[in-house]
Amino acid sequence: MPIHVICPGCHTRFSVGDQHAGKSGACPKCKGPIQIPTASDEVVIHAPEMEAGATNAQGRNVLKPIKRKEAKFSSNVFVIVVGAVLLCLAVAWLLGRSELTDSAVQWILAAGAFALGPPLAYAGYSFLRDDELEVYQGTDVVIRALACGVVYALLWGVYMYVGWQLFGTDSFKEGLEMVQIMGLLVPVLGIGAFAAFVSFDLEPITAFFHSTLYFLVTVLLRFVMDLPFLPGM
């Protein structure tokens, strides 16, 4: 097996037979003294047979690295989301101008909150997710979006129930002060951010924006229905 040698004077590279290992000689180019290294002095930069993992009969590693799947932008999903948003706005506008009882309006708001929760949770995750992490897909992302969306919808009920208990039903209907409304809204958004954090492994700030997206959309629909932005206002 040839021994690779580099002249310390002119840096010429050449090879000699292993029978010259450990001997001294002159560089064929500059004639300077050269010490031929022994086999024990050689440095092994990479030894494939030492790689961890399963190997075949030739000693080669047969394991392949796991590739992270990237979620590609889908024009079909974008069209569906835009169409659904426009449909919701149209329905909200029609409901706001129809003769409905207060009880019917409350049932419609509750049904809409649950219906919009999972789609908005999925839509928010699709563009707020961390590209460095594994993407949730298929049944996994559907279950997570459902769970997160249901929590978001329930938080509207928590907002109203706590408001009634703290300030009374009459005060809640007549209108609360901004400090009281913020006192109800901040913990609701905090719980929503925690739900997004647990469901989609989002960063805390990103999870807050995820939950805020849902509440902004529902508040916008309330406005289109000619209702106060928030219950209690």
C-alpha atoms as a PDB file:
ATOM      1  CA  MET A   1       0.000   0.000   0.000  1.00  0.00           C
ATOM      2  CA  PRO A   2       1.617   3.332  -1.017  1.00  0.00           C
ATOM      3  CA  ILE A   3       2.441   5.961   1.595  1.00  0.00           C
ATOM      4  CA  HIS A   4       1.489   9.564   0.763  1.00  0.00           C
ATOM      5  CA  VAL A   5       4.262  12.058   1.513  1.00  0.00           C
ATOM      6  CA  ILE A   6       4.383  15.889   1.500  1.00  0.00           C
ATOM      7  CA  CYS A   7       7.772  17.586   1.298  1.00  0.00           C
ATOM      8  CA  PRO A   8       8.107  20.068   4.218  1.00  0.00           C
ATOM      9  CA  GLY A   9      10.266  22.353   2.024  1.00  0.00           C
ATOM     10  CA  CYS A  10       8.517  22.676  -1.365  1.00  0.00           C
ATOM     11  CA  HIS A  11       5.197  21.021  -0.350  1.00  0.00           C
ATOM     12  CA  THR A  12       5.335  18.623  -3.272  1.00  0.00           C
ATOM     13  CA  ARG A  13       3.034  15.645  -2.914  1.00  0.00           C
ATOM     14  CA  PHE A  14       4.100  12.177  -3.990  1.00  0.00           C
ATOM     15  CA  SER A  15       3.808   8.528  -2.966  1.00  0.00           C
ATOM     16  CA  VAL A  16       6.397   5.911  -2.049  1.00  0.00           C
ATOM     17  CA  GLY A  17       6.146   2.210  -1.434  1.00  0.00           C
ATOM     18  CA  ASP A  18       5.411   0.946   2.049  1.00  0.00           C
ATOM     19  CA  GLN A  19       8.872  -0.654   2.157  1.00  0.00           C
ATOM     20  CA  HIS A  20      10.270   2.861   2.704  1.00  0.00           C
ATOM     21  CA  ALA A  21       8.163   3.477   5.830  1.00  0.00           C
ATOM     22  CA  GLY A  22      10.169   5.164   8.573  1.00  0.00           C
ATOM     23  CA  LYS A  23      13.190   5.885   6.342  1.00  0.00           C
ATOM     24  CA  SER A  24      14.743   9.219   5.379  1.00  0.00           C
ATOM     25  CA  GLY A  25      15.427  10.432   1.867  1.00  0.00           C
ATOM     26  CA  ALA A  26      15.723  13.397  -0.442  1.00  0.00           C
ATOM     27  CA  CYS A  27      12.774  15.145  -2.081  1.00  0.00           C
ATOM     28  CA  PRO A  28      12.775  14.311  -5.801  1.00  0.00           C
ATOM     29  CA  LYS A  29      12.039  17.969  -6.602  1.00  0.00           C
ATOM     30  CA  CYS A  30      13.942  20.218  -4.164  1.00  0.00           C
ATOM     31  CA  LYS A  31      16.348  17.568  -2.841  1.00  0.00           C
ATOM     32  CA  GLY A  32      15.495  18.553   0.728  1.00  0.00           C
ATOM     33  CA  PRO A  33      15.468  15.919   3.507  1.00  0.00           C
ATOM     34  CA  ILE A  34      12.226  14.019   3.989  1.00  0.00           C
ATOM     35  CA  GLN A  35      11.204  11.648   6.758  1.00  0.00           C
ATOM     36  CA  ILE A  36       8.859   8.956   5.396  1.00  0.00           C
ATOM     37  CA  PRO A  37       6.041   8.353   7.928  1.00  0.00           C
ATOM     38  CA  THR A  38       5.272   4.901   9.224  1.00  0.00           C
ATOM     39  CA  ALA A  39       1.850   3.238   8.924  1.00  0.00           C
ATOM     40  CA  SER A  40       1.084   4.164  12.539  1.00  0.00           C
ATOM     41  CA  ASP A  41       1.612   7.865  11.750  1.00  0.00           C
ATOM     42  CA  GLU A  42      -1.115   7.966   9.100  1.00  0.00           C
ATOM     43  CA  VAL A  43      -4.338   9.785   9.989  1.00  0.00           C
ATOM     44  CA  VAL A  44      -7.621   8.129   8.972  1.00  0.00           C
ATOM     45  CA  ILE A  45      -9.968  10.946   8.023  1.00  0.00           C
ATOM     46  CA  HIS A  46     -13.031   8.799   7.359  1.00  0.00           C
ATOM     47  CA  ALA A  47     -13.519   5.098   7.822  1.00  0.00           C
ATOM     48  CA  PRO A  48     -16.866   3.945   6.386  1.00  0.00           C
ATOM     49  CA  GLU A  49     -16.665   0.613   8.169  1.00  0.00           C
ATOM     50  CA  MET A  50     -16.745   2.444  11.525  1.00  0.00           C
ATOM     51  CA  GLU A  51     -20.034   4.240  10.851  1.00  0.00           C
ATOM     52  CA  ALA A  52     -22.810   3.507  13.296  1.00  0.00           C
ATOM     53  CA  GLY A  53     -25.861   1.636  12.125  1.00  0.00           C
ATOM     54  CA  ALA A  54     -26.693  -1.423  10.066  1.00  0.00           C
ATOM     55  CA  THR A  55     -24.227  -2.487   7.350  1.00  0.00           C
ATOM     56  CA  ASN A  56     -24.438  -4.877   4.394  1.00  0.00           C
ATOM     57  CA  ALA A  57     -22.079  -7.723   3.478  1.00  0.00           C
ATOM     58  CA  GLN A  58     -19.539  -5.240   2.082  1.00  0.00           C
ATOM     59  CA  GLY A  59     -19.526  -3.257   5.351  1.00  0.00           C
ATOM     60  CA  ARG A  60     -21.354  -0.277   3.884  1.00  0.00           C
ATOM     61  CA  ASN A  61     -23.919   1.634   5.892  1.00  0.00           C
ATOM     62  CA  VAL A  62     -27.419   0.853   4.636  1.00  0.00           C
ATOM     63  CA  LEU A  63     -29.371   3.323   6.750  1.00  0.00           C
ATOM     64  CA  LYS A  64     -30.649   6.480   5.089  1.00  0.00           C
ATOM     65  CA  PRO A  65     -31.211   9.797   6.897  1.00  0.00           C
ATOM     66  CA  ILE A  66     -34.796  10.749   7.626  1.00  0.00           C
ATOM     67  CA  LYS A  67     -35.882  13.574   5.375  1.00  0.00           C
ATOM     68  CA  ARG A  68     -38.199  16.247   6.767  1.00  0.00           C
ATOM     69  CA  LYS A  69     -41.279  16.711   4.658  1.00  0.00           C
ATOM     70  CA  GLU A  70     -42.067  20.238   3.561  1.00  0.00           C
ATOM     71  CA  ALA A  71     -45.691  21.348   3.319  1.00  0.00           C
ATOM     72  CA  LYS A  72     -46.182  22.899  -0.105  1.00  0.00           C
ATOM     73  CA  PHE A  73     -48.496  25.820  -0.778  1.00  0.00           C
ATOM     74  CA  SER A  74     -51.728  24.571  -2.280  1.00  0.00           C
ATOM     75  CA  SER A  75     -53.672  26.887  -4.552  1.00  0.00           C
ATOM     76  CA  ASN A  76     -56.755  24.693  -4.086  1.00  0.00           C
ATOM     77  CA  VAL A  77     -56.635  25.149  -0.309  1.00  0.00           C
ATOM     78  CA  PHE A  78     -56.174  28.904  -0.751  1.00  0.00           C
ATOM     79  CA  VAL A  79     -59.206  29.136  -3.036  1.00  0.00           C
ATOM     80  CA  ILE A  80     -61.298  27.086  -0.607  1.00  0.00           C
ATOM     81  CA  VAL A  81     -60.287  29.283   2.342  1.00  0.00           C
ATOM     82  CA  VAL A  82     -61.035  32.517   0.470  1.00  0.00           C
ATOM     83  CA  GLY A  83     -64.374  31.137  -0.731  1.00  0.00           C
ATOM     84  CA  ALA A  84     -65.303  30.057   2.789  1.00  0.00           C
ATOM     85  CA  VAL A  85     -64.431  33.488   4.189  1.00  0.00           C
ATOM     86  CA  LEU A  86     -66.558  35.262   1.587  1.00  0.00           C
ATOM     87  CA  LEU A  87     -69.429  32.850   2.228  1.00  0.00           C
ATOM     88  CA  CYS A  88     -69.238  33.474   5.985  1.00  0.00           C
ATOM     89  CA  LEU A  89     -69.262  37.233   5.440  1.00  0.00           C
ATOM     90  CA  ALA A  90     -72.283  36.972   3.153  1.00  0.00           C
ATOM     91  CA  VAL A  91     -74.176  34.761   5.620  1.00  0.00           C
ATOM     92  CA  ALA A  92     -73.286  37.086   8.511  1.00  0.00           C
ATOM     93  CA  TRP A  93     -74.504  40.111   6.539  1.00  0.00           C
ATOM     94  CA  LEU A  94     -77.813  38.423   5.743  1.00  0.00           C
ATOM     95  CA  LEU A  95     -78.328  37.261   9.334  1.00  0.00           C
ATOM     96  CA  GLY A  96     -77.629  40.736  10.639  1.00  0.00           C
ATOM     97  CA  ARG A  97     -80.453  42.129   8.521  1.00  0.00           C
ATOM     98  CA  SER A  98     -83.016  39.434   9.233  1.00  0.00           C
ATOM     99  CA  GLU A  99     -85.668  39.489  11.921  1.00  0.00           C
ATOM    100  CA  LEU A 100     -84.259  37.035  14.455  1.00  0.00           C
ATOM    101  CA  THR A 101     -84.896  36.786  18.167  1.00  0.00           C
ATOM    102  CA  ASP A 102     -82.048  37.286  20.635  1.00  0.00           C
ATOM    103  CA  SER A 103     -82.183  33.595  21.509  1.00  0.00           C
ATOM    104  CA  ALA A 104     -81.851  32.590  17.855  1.00  0.00           C
ATOM    105  CA  VAL A 105     -78.921  34.962  17.388  1.00  0.00           C
ATOM    106  CA  GLN A 106     -77.122  33.452  20.374  1.00  0.00           C
ATOM    107  CA  TRP A 107     -77.584  29.929  19.004  1.00  0.00           C
ATOM    108  CA  ILE A 108     -76.304  31.036  15.615  1.00  0.00           C
ATOM    109  CA  LEU A 109     -73.259  32.674  17.191  1.00  0.00           C
ATOM    110  CA  ALA A 110     -72.498  29.525  19.181  1.00  0.00           C
ATOM    111  CA  ALA A 111     -72.855  27.287  16.127  1.00  0.00           C
ATOM    112  CA  GLY A 112     -70.690  29.629  14.070  1.00  0.00           C
ATOM    113  CA  ALA A 113     -67.998  29.713  16.751  1.00  0.00           C
ATOM    114  CA  PHE A 114     -67.697  25.906  16.685  1.00  0.00           C
ATOM    115  CA  ALA A 115     -67.949  25.698  12.892  1.00  0.00           C
ATOM    116  CA  LEU A 116     -65.182  28.250  12.333  1.00  0.00           C
ATOM    117  CA  GLY A 117     -62.828  26.978  15.045  1.00  0.00           C
ATOM    118  CA  PRO A 118     -61.147  23.985  13.338  1.00  0.00           C
ATOM    119  CA  PRO A 119     -60.800  25.567   9.855  1.00  0.00           C
ATOM    120  CA  LEU A 120     -59.278  28.734  11.295  1.00  0.00           C
ATOM    121  CA  ALA A 121     -56.971  26.694  13.547  1.00  0.00           C
ATOM    122  CA  TYR A 122     -55.751  24.743  10.518  1.00  0.00           C
ATOM    123  CA  ALA A 123     -55.384  27.866   8.376  1.00  0.00           C
ATOM    124  CA  GLY A 124     -53.416  29.641  11.094  1.00  0.00           C
ATOM    125  CA  TYR A 125     -51.087  26.665  11.535  1.00  0.00           C
ATOM    126  CA  SER A 126     -50.454  26.440   7.786  1.00  0.00           C
ATOM    127  CA  PHE A 127     -48.634  29.803   7.710  1.00  0.00           C
ATOM    128  CA  LEU A 128     -47.541  30.295  11.334  1.00  0.00           C
ATOM    129  CA  ARG A 129     -45.827  26.928  11.785  1.00  0.00           C
ATOM    130  CA  ASP A 130     -42.075  26.632  12.311  1.00  0.00           C
ATOM    131  CA  ASP A 131     -40.408  25.407   9.101  1.00  0.00           C
ATOM    132  CA  GLU A 132     -37.601  23.838  11.135  1.00  0.00           C
ATOM    133  CA  LEU A 133     -39.996  21.378  12.807  1.00  0.00           C
ATOM    134  CA  GLU A 134     -41.723  18.338  11.384  1.00  0.00           C
ATOM    135  CA  VAL A 135     -44.992  19.304   9.713  1.00  0.00           C
ATOM    136  CA  TYR A 136     -48.210  17.798  11.067  1.00  0.00           C
ATOM    137  CA  GLN A 137     -50.143  16.231   8.210  1.00  0.00           C
ATOM    138  CA  GLY A 138     -53.099  13.961   7.490  1.00  0.00           C
ATOM    139  CA  THR A 139     -55.181  12.707  10.389  1.00  0.00           C
ATOM    140  CA  ASP A 140     -52.724  14.128  12.905  1.00  0.00           C
ATOM    141  CA  VAL A 141     -53.229  17.739  11.847  1.00  0.00           C
ATOM    142  CA  VAL A 142     -57.009  17.243  11.532  1.00  0.00           C
ATOM    143  CA  ILE A 143     -57.277  16.022  15.131  1.00  0.00           C
ATOM    144  CA  ARG A 144     -55.088  18.854  16.404  1.00  0.00           C
ATOM    145  CA  ALA A 145     -57.067  21.470  14.465  1.00  0.00           C
ATOM    146  CA  LEU A 146     -60.353  20.055  15.790  1.00  0.00           C
ATOM    147  CA  ALA A 147     -59.143  20.091  19.391  1.00  0.00           C
ATOM    148  CA  CYS A 148     -57.703  23.600  19.143  1.00  0.00           C
ATOM    149  CA  GLY A 149     -60.773  24.951  17.318  1.00  0.00           C
ATOM    150  CA  VAL A 150     -63.186  23.529  19.886  1.00  0.00           C
ATOM    151  CA  VAL A 151     -61.177  25.144  22.693  1.00  0.00           C
ATOM    152  CA  TYR A 152     -61.324  28.484  20.879  1.00  0.00           C
ATOM    153  CA  ALA A 153     -65.117  28.222  20.534  1.00  0.00           C
ATOM    154  CA  LEU A 154     -65.545  27.269  24.186  1.00  0.00           C
ATOM    155  CA  LEU A 155     -63.538  30.320  25.222  1.00  0.00           C
ATOM    156  CA  TRP A 156     -66.336  32.563  23.962  1.00  0.00           C
ATOM    157  CA  GLY A 157     -68.625  30.765  26.410  1.00  0.00           C
ATOM    158  CA  VAL A 158     -66.036  31.209  29.182  1.00  0.00           C
ATOM    159  CA  TYR A 159     -65.810  34.927  28.361  1.00  0.00           C
ATOM    160  CA  MET A 160     -69.563  35.414  28.677  1.00  0.00           C
ATOM    161  CA  TYR A 161     -70.064  33.139  31.692  1.00  0.00           C
ATOM    162  CA  VAL A 162     -67.303  34.776  33.726  1.00  0.00           C
ATOM    163  CA  GLY A 163     -68.592  38.209  32.722  1.00  0.00           C
ATOM    164  CA  TRP A 164     -72.088  37.369  33.918  1.00  0.00           C
ATOM    165  CA  GLN A 165     -70.768  35.997  37.211  1.00  0.00           C
ATOM    166  CA  LEU A 166     -68.437  38.904  37.927  1.00  0.00           C
ATOM    167  CA  PHE A 167     -70.448  41.875  36.737  1.00  0.00           C
ATOM    168  CA  GLY A 168     -74.012  40.601  36.614  1.00  0.00           C
ATOM    169  CA  THR A 169     -76.241  39.859  33.652  1.00  0.00           C
ATOM    170  CA  ASP A 170     -77.796  43.323  33.546  1.00  0.00           C
ATOM    171  CA  SER A 171     -74.454  45.141  33.595  1.00  0.00           C
ATOM    172  CA  PHE A 172     -73.144  42.776  30.948  1.00  0.00           C
ATOM    173  CA  LYS A 173     -76.089  43.562  28.661  1.00  0.00           C
ATOM    174  CA  GLU A 174     -76.024  47.294  29.306  1.00  0.00           C
ATOM    175  CA  GLY A 175     -72.302  47.525  28.609  1.00  0.00           C
ATOM    176  CA  LEU A 176     -69.105  47.094  30.580  1.00  0.00           C
ATOM    177  CA  GLU A 177     -66.219  49.473  30.994  1.00  0.00           C
ATOM    178  CA  MET A 178     -63.147  48.918  28.840  1.00  0.00           C
ATOM    179  CA  VAL A 179     -61.086  47.838  31.854  1.00  0.00           C
ATOM    180  CA  GLN A 180     -63.645  45.152  32.663  1.00  0.00           C
ATOM    181  CA  ILE A 181     -63.705  43.928  29.069  1.00  0.00           C
ATOM    182  CA  MET A 182     -59.909  43.752  28.946  1.00  0.00           C
ATOM    183  CA  GLY A 183     -59.941  41.871  32.243  1.00  0.00           C
ATOM    184  CA  LEU A 184     -62.110  39.231  30.567  1.00  0.00           C
ATOM    185  CA  LEU A 185     -60.338  39.237  27.209  1.00  0.00           C
ATOM    186  CA  VAL A 186     -56.702  38.926  28.328  1.00  0.00           C
ATOM    187  CA  PRO A 187     -57.026  35.572  30.163  1.00  0.00           C
ATOM    188  CA  VAL A 188     -59.197  34.212  27.339  1.00  0.00           C
ATOM    189  CA  LEU A 189     -56.483  35.041  24.796  1.00  0.00           C
ATOM    190  CA  GLY A 190     -53.879  33.575  27.140  1.00  0.00           C
ATOM    191  CA  ILE A 191     -55.764  30.283  27.385  1.00  0.00           C
ATOM    192  CA  GLY A 192     -56.207  30.295  23.609  1.00  0.00           C
ATOM    193  CA  ALA A 193     -52.462  30.802  23.102  1.00  0.00           C
ATOM    194  CA  PHE A 194     -51.758  27.885  25.442  1.00  0.00           C
ATOM    195  CA  ALA A 195     -54.171  25.704  23.438  1.00  0.00           C
ATOM    196  CA  ALA A 196     -52.314  26.571  20.206  1.00  0.00           C
ATOM    197  CA  PHE A 197     -48.963  25.931  21.905  1.00  0.00           C
ATOM    198  CA  VAL A 198     -50.038  22.470  23.055  1.00  0.00           C
ATOM    199  CA  SER A 199     -51.842  21.538  19.827  1.00  0.00           C
ATOM    200  CA  PHE A 200     -49.257  22.614  17.246  1.00  0.00           C
ATOM    201  CA  ASP A 201     -45.982  23.061  19.180  1.00  0.00           C
ATOM    202  CA  LEU A 202     -45.877  26.737  18.240  1.00  0.00           C
ATOM    203  CA  GLU A 203     -43.649  29.289  19.916  1.00  0.00           C
ATOM    204  CA  PRO A 204     -45.489  31.200  22.686  1.00  0.00           C
ATOM    205  CA  ILE A 205     -45.660  34.464  20.712  1.00  0.00           C
ATOM    206  CA  THR A 206     -46.698  32.624  17.542  1.00  0.00           C
ATOM    207  CA  ALA A 207     -49.329  30.705  19.505  1.00  0.00           C
ATOM    208  CA  PHE A 208     -50.730  34.020  20.764  1.00  0.00           C
ATOM    209  CA  PHE A 209     -51.066  35.305  17.193  1.00  0.00           C
ATOM    210  CA  HIS A 210     -52.693  31.991  16.227  1.00  0.00           C
ATOM    211  CA  SER A 211     -55.422  32.370  18.835  1.00  0.00           C
ATOM    212  CA  THR A 212     -55.794  36.081  18.086  1.00  0.00           C
ATOM    213  CA  LEU A 213     -56.478  35.248  14.431  1.00  0.00           C
ATOM    214  CA  TYR A 214     -59.539  33.220  15.397  1.00  0.00           C
ATOM    215  CA  PHE A 215     -60.944  35.924  17.675  1.00  0.00           C
ATOM    216  CA  LEU A 216     -60.319  38.683  15.130  1.00  0.00           C
ATOM    217  CA  VAL A 217     -62.243  36.768  12.458  1.00  0.00           C
ATOM    218  CA  THR A 218     -65.177  36.075  14.785  1.00  0.00           C
ATOM    219  CA  VAL A 219     -65.200  39.701  15.962  1.00  0.00           C
ATOM    220  CA  LEU A 220     -65.269  40.828  12.324  1.00  0.00           C
ATOM    221  CA  LEU A 221     -68.253  38.579  11.651  1.00  0.00           C
ATOM    222  CA  ARG A 222     -70.049  40.054  14.670  1.00  0.00           C
ATOM    223  CA  PHE A 223     -69.469  43.500  13.193  1.00  0.00           C
ATOM    224  CA  VAL A 224     -70.881  42.383   9.823  1.00  0.00           C
ATOM    225  CA  MET A 225     -73.930  41.071  11.672  1.00  0.00           C
ATOM    226  CA  ASP A 226     -74.397  44.568  13.113  1.00  0.00           C
ATOM    227  CA  LEU A 227     -73.534  43.354  16.640  1.00  0.00           C
ATOM    228  CA  PRO A 228     -71.067  44.886  19.124  1.00  0.00           C
ATOM    229  CA  PHE A 229     -67.462  43.888  18.498  1.00  0.00           C
ATOM    230  CA  LEU A 230     -67.389  42.055  21.831  1.00  0.00           C
ATOM    231  CA  PRO A 231     -70.174  40.861  24.128  1.00  0.00           C
ATOM    232  CA  GLY A 232     -70.584  43.384  26.909  1.00  0.00           C
ATOM    233  CA  MET A 233     -69.630  46.423  24.859  1.00  0.00           C
END
